[in-house]
Amino acid sequence: MRAVKATGRINQDGQINLDRPLLNIKGRVEVIVLIAEEDESEDDLMTKEEILSDFQQAWHEAMTGQTVPVSQMWEGIEHD
């Protein structure tokens, strides 16, 4: 058995509509459905471009000395 990752939505009839067709796959399949938690949404997920942009900004700040000491970051944060 091999795995293929696909995304989709469950319609009002409880059926899965895939975002893209599964080409060159024939026969029966076994499906595991991962459902986002209520506090998760697609809007909360970052795109690869956003992640890359954030990393590039952080790397630039680190390389140019625009950093904050960890001890300063903890100021005002309650911890046990």
PDB file of N, CA and C in Angstrom:
ATOM      1  N   MET A   1       0.845  -1.175   0.000  1.00  0.00           N
ATOM      2  CA  MET A   1       0.000   0.000   0.000  1.00  0.00           C
ATOM      3  C   MET A   1       0.892   1.241   0.000  1.00  0.00           C
ATOM      4  N   ARG A   2       0.506   2.258  -0.749  1.00  0.00           N
ATOM      5  CA  ARG A   2       1.259   3.513  -0.758  1.00  0.00           C
ATOM      6  C   ARG A   2       0.353   4.636  -0.293  1.00  0.00           C
ATOM      7  N   ALA A   3       0.933   5.743   0.096  1.00  0.00           N
ATOM      8  CA  ALA A   3       0.169   6.886   0.607  1.00  0.00           C
ATOM      9  C   ALA A   3       0.216   8.031  -0.391  1.00  0.00           C
ATOM     10  N   VAL A   4      -0.907   8.695  -0.528  1.00  0.00           N
ATOM     11  CA  VAL A   4      -1.020   9.887  -1.356  1.00  0.00           C
ATOM     12  C   VAL A   4      -1.719  10.930  -0.504  1.00  0.00           C
ATOM     13  N   LYS A   5      -1.120  12.094  -0.364  1.00  0.00           N
ATOM     14  CA  LYS A   5      -1.742  13.158   0.428  1.00  0.00           C
ATOM     15  C   LYS A   5      -2.580  14.037  -0.491  1.00  0.00           C
ATOM     16  N   ALA A   6      -3.799  14.304  -0.073  1.00  0.00           N
ATOM     17  CA  ALA A   6      -4.696  15.157  -0.836  1.00  0.00           C
ATOM     18  C   ALA A   6      -5.508  15.991   0.148  1.00  0.00           C
ATOM     19  N   THR A   7      -5.973  17.130  -0.297  1.00  0.00           N
ATOM     20  CA  THR A   7      -6.824  17.970   0.536  1.00  0.00           C
ATOM     21  C   THR A   7      -8.175  18.125  -0.138  1.00  0.00           C
ATOM     22  N   GLY A   8      -9.146  18.476   0.648  1.00  0.00           N
ATOM     23  CA  GLY A   8     -10.480  18.658   0.106  1.00  0.00           C
ATOM     24  C   GLY A   8     -11.413  19.176   1.171  1.00  0.00           C
ATOM     25  N   ARG A   9     -12.680  19.127   0.869  1.00  0.00           N
ATOM     26  CA  ARG A   9     -13.707  19.599   1.795  1.00  0.00           C
ATOM     27  C   ARG A   9     -14.812  18.551   1.863  1.00  0.00           C
ATOM     28  N   ILE A  10     -15.492  18.528   2.993  1.00  0.00           N
ATOM     29  CA  ILE A  10     -16.648  17.661   3.145  1.00  0.00           C
ATOM     30  C   ILE A  10     -17.872  18.497   2.809  1.00  0.00           C
ATOM     31  N   ASN A  11     -18.667  18.022   1.863  1.00  0.00           N
ATOM     32  CA  ASN A  11     -19.827  18.796   1.426  1.00  0.00           C
ATOM     33  C   ASN A  11     -21.019  18.555   2.347  1.00  0.00           C
ATOM     34  N   GLN A  12     -22.139  19.181   2.045  1.00  0.00           N
ATOM     35  CA  GLN A  12     -23.325  19.099   2.898  1.00  0.00           C
ATOM     36  C   GLN A  12     -23.908  17.696   2.973  1.00  0.00           C
ATOM     37  N   ASP A  13     -23.551  16.848   2.017  1.00  0.00           N
ATOM     38  CA  ASP A  13     -24.021  15.457   2.030  1.00  0.00           C
ATOM     39  C   ASP A  13     -23.052  14.526   2.746  1.00  0.00           C
ATOM     40  N   GLY A  14     -21.982  15.093   3.326  1.00  0.00           N
ATOM     41  CA  GLY A  14     -20.998  14.281   4.034  1.00  0.00           C
ATOM     42  C   GLY A  14     -20.006  13.590   3.131  1.00  0.00           C
ATOM     43  N   GLN A  15     -19.940  13.992   1.866  1.00  0.00           N
ATOM     44  CA  GLN A  15     -18.998  13.391   0.927  1.00  0.00           C
ATOM     45  C   GLN A  15     -17.767  14.273   0.788  1.00  0.00           C
ATOM     46  N   ILE A  16     -16.646  13.648   0.512  1.00  0.00           N
ATOM     47  CA  ILE A  16     -15.389  14.378   0.361  1.00  0.00           C
ATOM     48  C   ILE A  16     -15.233  14.831  -1.084  1.00  0.00           C
ATOM     49  N   ASN A  17     -15.003  16.105  -1.265  1.00  0.00           N
ATOM     50  CA  ASN A  17     -14.673  16.663  -2.588  1.00  0.00           C
ATOM     51  C   ASN A  17     -13.205  17.067  -2.543  1.00  0.00           C
ATOM     52  N   LEU A  18     -12.380  16.378  -3.319  1.00  0.00           N
ATOM     53  CA  LEU A  18     -10.948  16.684  -3.336  1.00  0.00           C
ATOM     54  C   LEU A  18     -10.677  17.954  -4.123  1.00  0.00           C
ATOM     55  N   ASP A  19      -9.641  18.671  -3.698  1.00  0.00           N
ATOM     56  CA  ASP A  19      -9.258  19.897  -4.393  1.00  0.00           C
ATOM     57  C   ASP A  19      -8.721  19.612  -5.790  1.00  0.00           C
ATOM     58  N   ARG A  20      -8.093  18.448  -5.960  1.00  0.00           N
ATOM     59  CA  ARG A  20      -7.541  18.048  -7.260  1.00  0.00           C
ATOM     60  C   ARG A  20      -7.833  16.568  -7.473  1.00  0.00           C
ATOM     61  N   PRO A  21      -8.002  16.155  -8.711  1.00  0.00           N
ATOM     62  CA  PRO A  21      -8.232  14.726  -8.953  1.00  0.00           C
ATOM     63  C   PRO A  21      -6.976  13.899  -8.652  1.00  0.00           C
ATOM     64  N   LEU A  22      -7.195  12.669  -8.251  1.00  0.00           N
ATOM     65  CA  LEU A  22      -6.095  11.732  -8.037  1.00  0.00           C
ATOM     66  C   LEU A  22      -5.880  10.980  -9.341  1.00  0.00           C
ATOM     67  N   LEU A  23      -4.963  11.467 -10.137  1.00  0.00           N
ATOM     68  CA  LEU A  23      -4.710  10.898 -11.455  1.00  0.00           C
ATOM     69  C   LEU A  23      -3.913   9.600 -11.340  1.00  0.00           C
ATOM     70  N   ASN A  24      -4.143   8.707 -12.262  1.00  0.00           N
ATOM     71  CA  ASN A  24      -3.413   7.429 -12.358  1.00  0.00           C
ATOM     72  C   ASN A  24      -3.596   6.538 -11.140  1.00  0.00           C
ATOM     73  N   ILE A  25      -4.701   6.714 -10.425  1.00  0.00           N
ATOM     74  CA  ILE A  25      -5.003   5.844  -9.292  1.00  0.00           C
ATOM     75  C   ILE A  25      -6.321   5.161  -9.602  1.00  0.00           C
ATOM     76  N   LYS A  26      -6.292   3.829  -9.591  1.00  0.00           N
ATOM     77  CA  LYS A  26      -7.498   3.062  -9.887  1.00  0.00           C
ATOM     78  C   LYS A  26      -7.738   2.064  -8.771  1.00  0.00           C
ATOM     79  N   GLY A  27      -8.973   1.699  -8.585  1.00  0.00           N
ATOM     80  CA  GLY A  27      -9.309   0.691  -7.588  1.00  0.00           C
ATOM     81  C   GLY A  27      -9.759   1.304  -6.277  1.00  0.00           C
ATOM     82  N   ARG A  28      -9.931   0.435  -5.303  1.00  0.00           N
ATOM     83  CA  ARG A  28     -10.398   0.874  -3.986  1.00  0.00           C
ATOM     84  C   ARG A  28      -9.287   1.554  -3.217  1.00  0.00           C
ATOM     85  N   VAL A  29      -9.676   2.464  -2.345  1.00  0.00           N
ATOM     86  CA  VAL A  29      -8.724   3.174  -1.497  1.00  0.00           C
ATOM     87  C   VAL A  29      -9.213   3.127  -0.059  1.00  0.00           C
ATOM     88  N   GLU A  30      -8.304   3.358   0.847  1.00  0.00           N
ATOM     89  CA  GLU A  30      -8.626   3.486   2.262  1.00  0.00           C
ATOM     90  C   GLU A  30      -8.362   4.930   2.616  1.00  0.00           C
ATOM     91  N   VAL A  31      -9.284   5.573   3.323  1.00  0.00           N
ATOM     92  CA  VAL A  31      -9.186   7.004   3.585  1.00  0.00           C
ATOM     93  C   VAL A  31      -9.093   7.264   5.081  1.00  0.00           C
ATOM     94  N   ILE A  32      -8.148   8.111   5.475  1.00  0.00           N
ATOM     95  CA  ILE A  32      -8.054   8.617   6.838  1.00  0.00           C
ATOM     96  C   ILE A  32      -8.324  10.111   6.736  1.00  0.00           C
ATOM     97  N   VAL A  33      -9.296  10.593   7.478  1.00  0.00           N
ATOM     98  CA  VAL A  33      -9.681  12.000   7.397  1.00  0.00           C
ATOM     99  C   VAL A  33      -9.143  12.733   8.618  1.00  0.00           C
ATOM    100  N   LEU A  34      -8.353  13.778   8.400  1.00  0.00           N
ATOM    101  CA  LEU A  34      -7.845  14.633   9.468  1.00  0.00           C
ATOM    102  C   LEU A  34      -8.675  15.905   9.455  1.00  0.00           C
ATOM    103  N   ILE A  35      -9.308  16.204  10.571  1.00  0.00           N
ATOM    104  CA  ILE A  35     -10.208  17.352  10.648  1.00  0.00           C
ATOM    105  C   ILE A  35      -9.572  18.416  11.526  1.00  0.00           C
ATOM    106  N   ALA A  36      -9.540  19.649  11.032  1.00  0.00           N
ATOM    107  CA  ALA A  36      -8.967  20.759  11.801  1.00  0.00           C
ATOM    108  C   ALA A  36      -9.779  20.976  13.068  1.00  0.00           C
ATOM    109  N   GLU A  37      -9.096  21.321  14.147  1.00  0.00           N
ATOM    110  CA  GLU A  37      -9.774  21.648  15.394  1.00  0.00           C
ATOM    111  C   GLU A  37     -10.592  22.913  15.197  1.00  0.00           C
ATOM    112  N   GLU A  38     -11.560  23.149  16.064  1.00  0.00           N
ATOM    113  CA  GLU A  38     -12.428  24.314  15.927  1.00  0.00           C
ATOM    114  C   GLU A  38     -11.647  25.616  15.950  1.00  0.00           C
ATOM    115  N   ASP A  39     -10.556  25.668  16.740  1.00  0.00           N
ATOM    116  CA  ASP A  39      -9.794  26.909  16.828  1.00  0.00           C
ATOM    117  C   ASP A  39      -8.778  27.045  15.700  1.00  0.00           C
ATOM    118  N   GLU A  40      -8.723  26.070  14.803  1.00  0.00           N
ATOM    119  CA  GLU A  40      -7.861  26.137  13.630  1.00  0.00           C
ATOM    120  C   GLU A  40      -8.713  26.490  12.416  1.00  0.00           C
ATOM    121  N   SER A  41      -8.139  27.217  11.523  1.00  0.00           N
ATOM    122  CA  SER A  41      -8.824  27.447  10.256  1.00  0.00           C
ATOM    123  C   SER A  41      -7.774  27.610   9.188  1.00  0.00           C
ATOM    124  N   GLU A  42      -8.190  27.489   7.951  1.00  0.00           N
ATOM    125  CA  GLU A  42      -7.238  27.656   6.857  1.00  0.00           C
ATOM    126  C   GLU A  42      -6.664  29.067   6.860  1.00  0.00           C
ATOM    127  N   ASP A  43      -7.453  30.029   7.375  1.00  0.00           N
ATOM    128  CA  ASP A  43      -6.975  31.410   7.425  1.00  0.00           C
ATOM    129  C   ASP A  43      -5.806  31.561   8.384  1.00  0.00           C
ATOM    130  N   ASP A  44      -5.721  30.653   9.395  1.00  0.00           N
ATOM    131  CA  ASP A  44      -4.648  30.720  10.384  1.00  0.00           C
ATOM    132  C   ASP A  44      -3.344  30.127   9.860  1.00  0.00           C
ATOM    133  N   LEU A  45      -3.419  29.327   8.815  1.00  0.00           N
ATOM    134  CA  LEU A  45      -2.235  28.669   8.290  1.00  0.00           C
ATOM    135  C   LEU A  45      -1.429  29.632   7.432  1.00  0.00           C
ATOM    136  N   MET A  46      -0.116  29.561   7.583  1.00  0.00           N
ATOM    137  CA  MET A  46       0.752  30.427   6.797  1.00  0.00           C
ATOM    138  C   MET A  46       1.137  29.725   5.499  1.00  0.00           C
ATOM    139  N   THR A  47       1.265  30.501   4.447  1.00  0.00           N
ATOM    140  CA  THR A  47       1.719  29.933   3.183  1.00  0.00           C
ATOM    141  C   THR A  47       3.234  29.762   3.240  1.00  0.00           C
ATOM    142  N   LYS A  48       3.764  28.981   2.322  1.00  0.00           N
ATOM    143  CA  LYS A  48       5.214  28.808   2.240  1.00  0.00           C
ATOM    144  C   LYS A  48       5.899  30.153   2.018  1.00  0.00           C
ATOM    145  N   GLU A  49       5.261  31.007   1.219  1.00  0.00           N
ATOM    146  CA  GLU A  49       5.842  32.319   0.927  1.00  0.00           C
ATOM    147  C   GLU A  49       5.914  33.176   2.194  1.00  0.00           C
ATOM    148  N   GLU A  50       4.865  33.116   3.034  1.00  0.00           N
ATOM    149  CA  GLU A  50       4.865  33.876   4.283  1.00  0.00           C
ATOM    150  C   GLU A  50       5.924  33.360   5.248  1.00  0.00           C
ATOM    151  N   ILE A  51       6.048  32.044   5.328  1.00  0.00           N
ATOM    152  CA  ILE A  51       7.062  31.449   6.202  1.00  0.00           C
ATOM    153  C   ILE A  51       8.451  31.856   5.740  1.00  0.00           C
ATOM    154  N   LEU A  52       8.701  31.774   4.430  1.00  0.00           N
ATOM    155  CA  LEU A  52       9.998  32.152   3.883  1.00  0.00           C
ATOM    156  C   LEU A  52      10.282  33.628   4.127  1.00  0.00           C
ATOM    157  N   SER A  53       9.292  34.476   3.934  1.00  0.00           N
ATOM    158  CA  SER A  53       9.459  35.911   4.154  1.00  0.00           C
ATOM    159  C   SER A  53       9.799  36.201   5.614  1.00  0.00           C
ATOM    160  N   ASP A  54       9.084  35.555   6.553  1.00  0.00           N
ATOM    161  CA  ASP A  54       9.369  35.742   7.977  1.00  0.00           C
ATOM    162  C   ASP A  54      10.778  35.280   8.316  1.00  0.00           C
ATOM    163  N   PHE A  55      11.182  34.138   7.757  1.00  0.00           N
ATOM    164  CA  PHE A  55      12.532  33.634   8.018  1.00  0.00           C
ATOM    165  C   PHE A  55      13.581  34.594   7.478  1.00  0.00           C
ATOM    166  N   GLN A  56      13.378  35.081   6.256  1.00  0.00           N
ATOM    167  CA  GLN A  56      14.340  36.016   5.662  1.00  0.00           C
ATOM    168  C   GLN A  56      14.461  37.278   6.510  1.00  0.00           C
ATOM    169  N   GLN A  57      13.341  37.796   7.007  1.00  0.00           N
ATOM    170  CA  GLN A  57      13.373  38.984   7.861  1.00  0.00           C
ATOM    171  C   GLN A  57      14.121  38.691   9.155  1.00  0.00           C
ATOM    172  N   ALA A  58      13.830  37.545   9.788  1.00  0.00           N
ATOM    173  CA  ALA A  58      14.503  37.180  11.031  1.00  0.00           C
ATOM    174  C   ALA A  58      16.002  36.991  10.802  1.00  0.00           C
ATOM    175  N   TRP A  59      16.365  36.358   9.695  1.00  0.00           N
ATOM    176  CA  TRP A  59      17.785  36.140   9.381  1.00  0.00           C
ATOM    177  C   TRP A  59      18.495  37.484   9.170  1.00  0.00           C
ATOM    178  N   HIS A  60      17.850  38.378   8.463  1.00  0.00           N
ATOM    179  CA  HIS A  60      18.429  39.709   8.225  1.00  0.00           C
ATOM    180  C   HIS A  60      18.652  40.436   9.557  1.00  0.00           C
ATOM    181  N   GLU A  61      17.656  40.385  10.430  1.00  0.00           N
ATOM    182  CA  GLU A  61      17.789  41.048  11.733  1.00  0.00           C
ATOM    183  C   GLU A  61      18.912  40.425  12.553  1.00  0.00           C
ATOM    184  N   ALA A  62      19.039  39.106  12.526  1.00  0.00           N
ATOM    185  CA  ALA A  62      20.101  38.431  13.269  1.00  0.00           C
ATOM    186  C   ALA A  62      21.469  38.792  12.714  1.00  0.00           C
ATOM    187  N   MET A  63      21.602  38.841  11.399  1.00  0.00           N
ATOM    188  CA  MET A  63      22.888  39.135  10.773  1.00  0.00           C
ATOM    189  C   MET A  63      23.303  40.601  10.922  1.00  0.00           C
ATOM    190  N   THR A  64      22.343  41.483  11.130  1.00  0.00           N
ATOM    191  CA  THR A  64      22.665  42.917  11.264  1.00  0.00           C
ATOM    192  C   THR A  64      22.633  43.373  12.712  1.00  0.00           C
ATOM    193  N   GLY A  65      22.557  42.413  13.644  1.00  0.00           N
ATOM    194  CA  GLY A  65      22.631  42.754  15.066  1.00  0.00           C
ATOM    195  C   GLY A  65      21.356  43.346  15.639  1.00  0.00           C
ATOM    196  N   GLN A  66      20.261  43.224  14.937  1.00  0.00           N
ATOM    197  CA  GLN A  66      18.989  43.754  15.431  1.00  0.00           C
ATOM    198  C   GLN A  66      18.304  42.696  16.298  1.00  0.00           C
ATOM    199  N   THR A  67      18.925  42.379  17.423  1.00  0.00           N
ATOM    200  CA  THR A  67      18.418  41.319  18.285  1.00  0.00           C
ATOM    201  C   THR A  67      18.085  41.871  19.668  1.00  0.00           C
ATOM    202  N   VAL A  68      17.334  41.094  20.433  1.00  0.00           N
ATOM    203  CA  VAL A  68      16.955  41.448  21.798  1.00  0.00           C
ATOM    204  C   VAL A  68      17.414  40.307  22.695  1.00  0.00           C
ATOM    205  N   PRO A  69      18.102  40.610  23.799  1.00  0.00           N
ATOM    206  CA  PRO A  69      18.533  39.548  24.704  1.00  0.00           C
ATOM    207  C   PRO A  69      17.327  38.767  25.240  1.00  0.00           C
ATOM    208  N   VAL A  70      17.503  37.463  25.417  1.00  0.00           N
ATOM    209  CA  VAL A  70      16.428  36.620  25.916  1.00  0.00           C
ATOM    210  C   VAL A  70      15.934  37.110  27.271  1.00  0.00           C
ATOM    211  N   SER A  71      16.857  37.544  28.135  1.00  0.00           N
ATOM    212  CA  SER A  71      16.451  38.030  29.459  1.00  0.00           C
ATOM    213  C   SER A  71      15.490  39.210  29.335  1.00  0.00           C
ATOM    214  N   GLN A  72      15.683  40.046  28.348  1.00  0.00           N
ATOM    215  CA  GLN A  72      14.799  41.192  28.134  1.00  0.00           C
ATOM    216  C   GLN A  72      13.440  40.731  27.602  1.00  0.00           C
ATOM    217  N   MET A  73      13.438  39.680  26.813  1.00  0.00           N
ATOM    218  CA  MET A  73      12.181  39.171  26.270  1.00  0.00           C
ATOM    219  C   MET A  73      11.280  38.640  27.383  1.00  0.00           C
ATOM    220  N   TRP A  74      11.876  38.115  28.474  1.00  0.00           N
ATOM    221  CA  TRP A  74      11.095  37.546  29.579  1.00  0.00           C
ATOM    222  C   TRP A  74      10.538  38.601  30.510  1.00  0.00           C
ATOM    223  N   GLU A  75      11.040  39.839  30.415  1.00  0.00           N
ATOM    224  CA  GLU A  75      10.560  40.894  31.311  1.00  0.00           C
ATOM    225  C   GLU A  75       9.064  41.084  31.143  1.00  0.00           C
ATOM    226  N   GLY A  76       8.346  41.107  32.263  1.00  0.00           N
ATOM    227  CA  GLY A  76       6.908  41.328  32.225  1.00  0.00           C
ATOM    228  C   GLY A  76       6.084  40.097  31.949  1.00  0.00           C
ATOM    229  N   ILE A  77       6.754  38.964  31.719  1.00  0.00           N
ATOM    230  CA  ILE A  77       6.030  37.717  31.471  1.00  0.00           C
ATOM    231  C   ILE A  77       6.056  36.909  32.761  1.00  0.00           C
ATOM    232  N   GLU A  78       4.885  36.553  33.251  1.00  0.00           N
ATOM    233  CA  GLU A  78       4.812  35.760  34.477  1.00  0.00           C
ATOM    234  C   GLU A  78       5.173  34.311  34.153  1.00  0.00           C
ATOM    235  N   HIS A  79       6.009  33.734  34.970  1.00  0.00           N
ATOM    236  CA  HIS A  79       6.353  32.326  34.804  1.00  0.00           C
ATOM    237  C   HIS A  79       6.637  31.716  36.157  1.00  0.00           C
ATOM    238  N   ASP A  80       6.424  30.410  36.266  1.00  0.00           N
ATOM    239  CA  ASP A  80       6.638  29.700  37.536  1.00  0.00           C
ATOM    240  C   ASP A  80       8.033  29.183  37.624  1.00  0.00           C
TER     241      ASP A  80
END
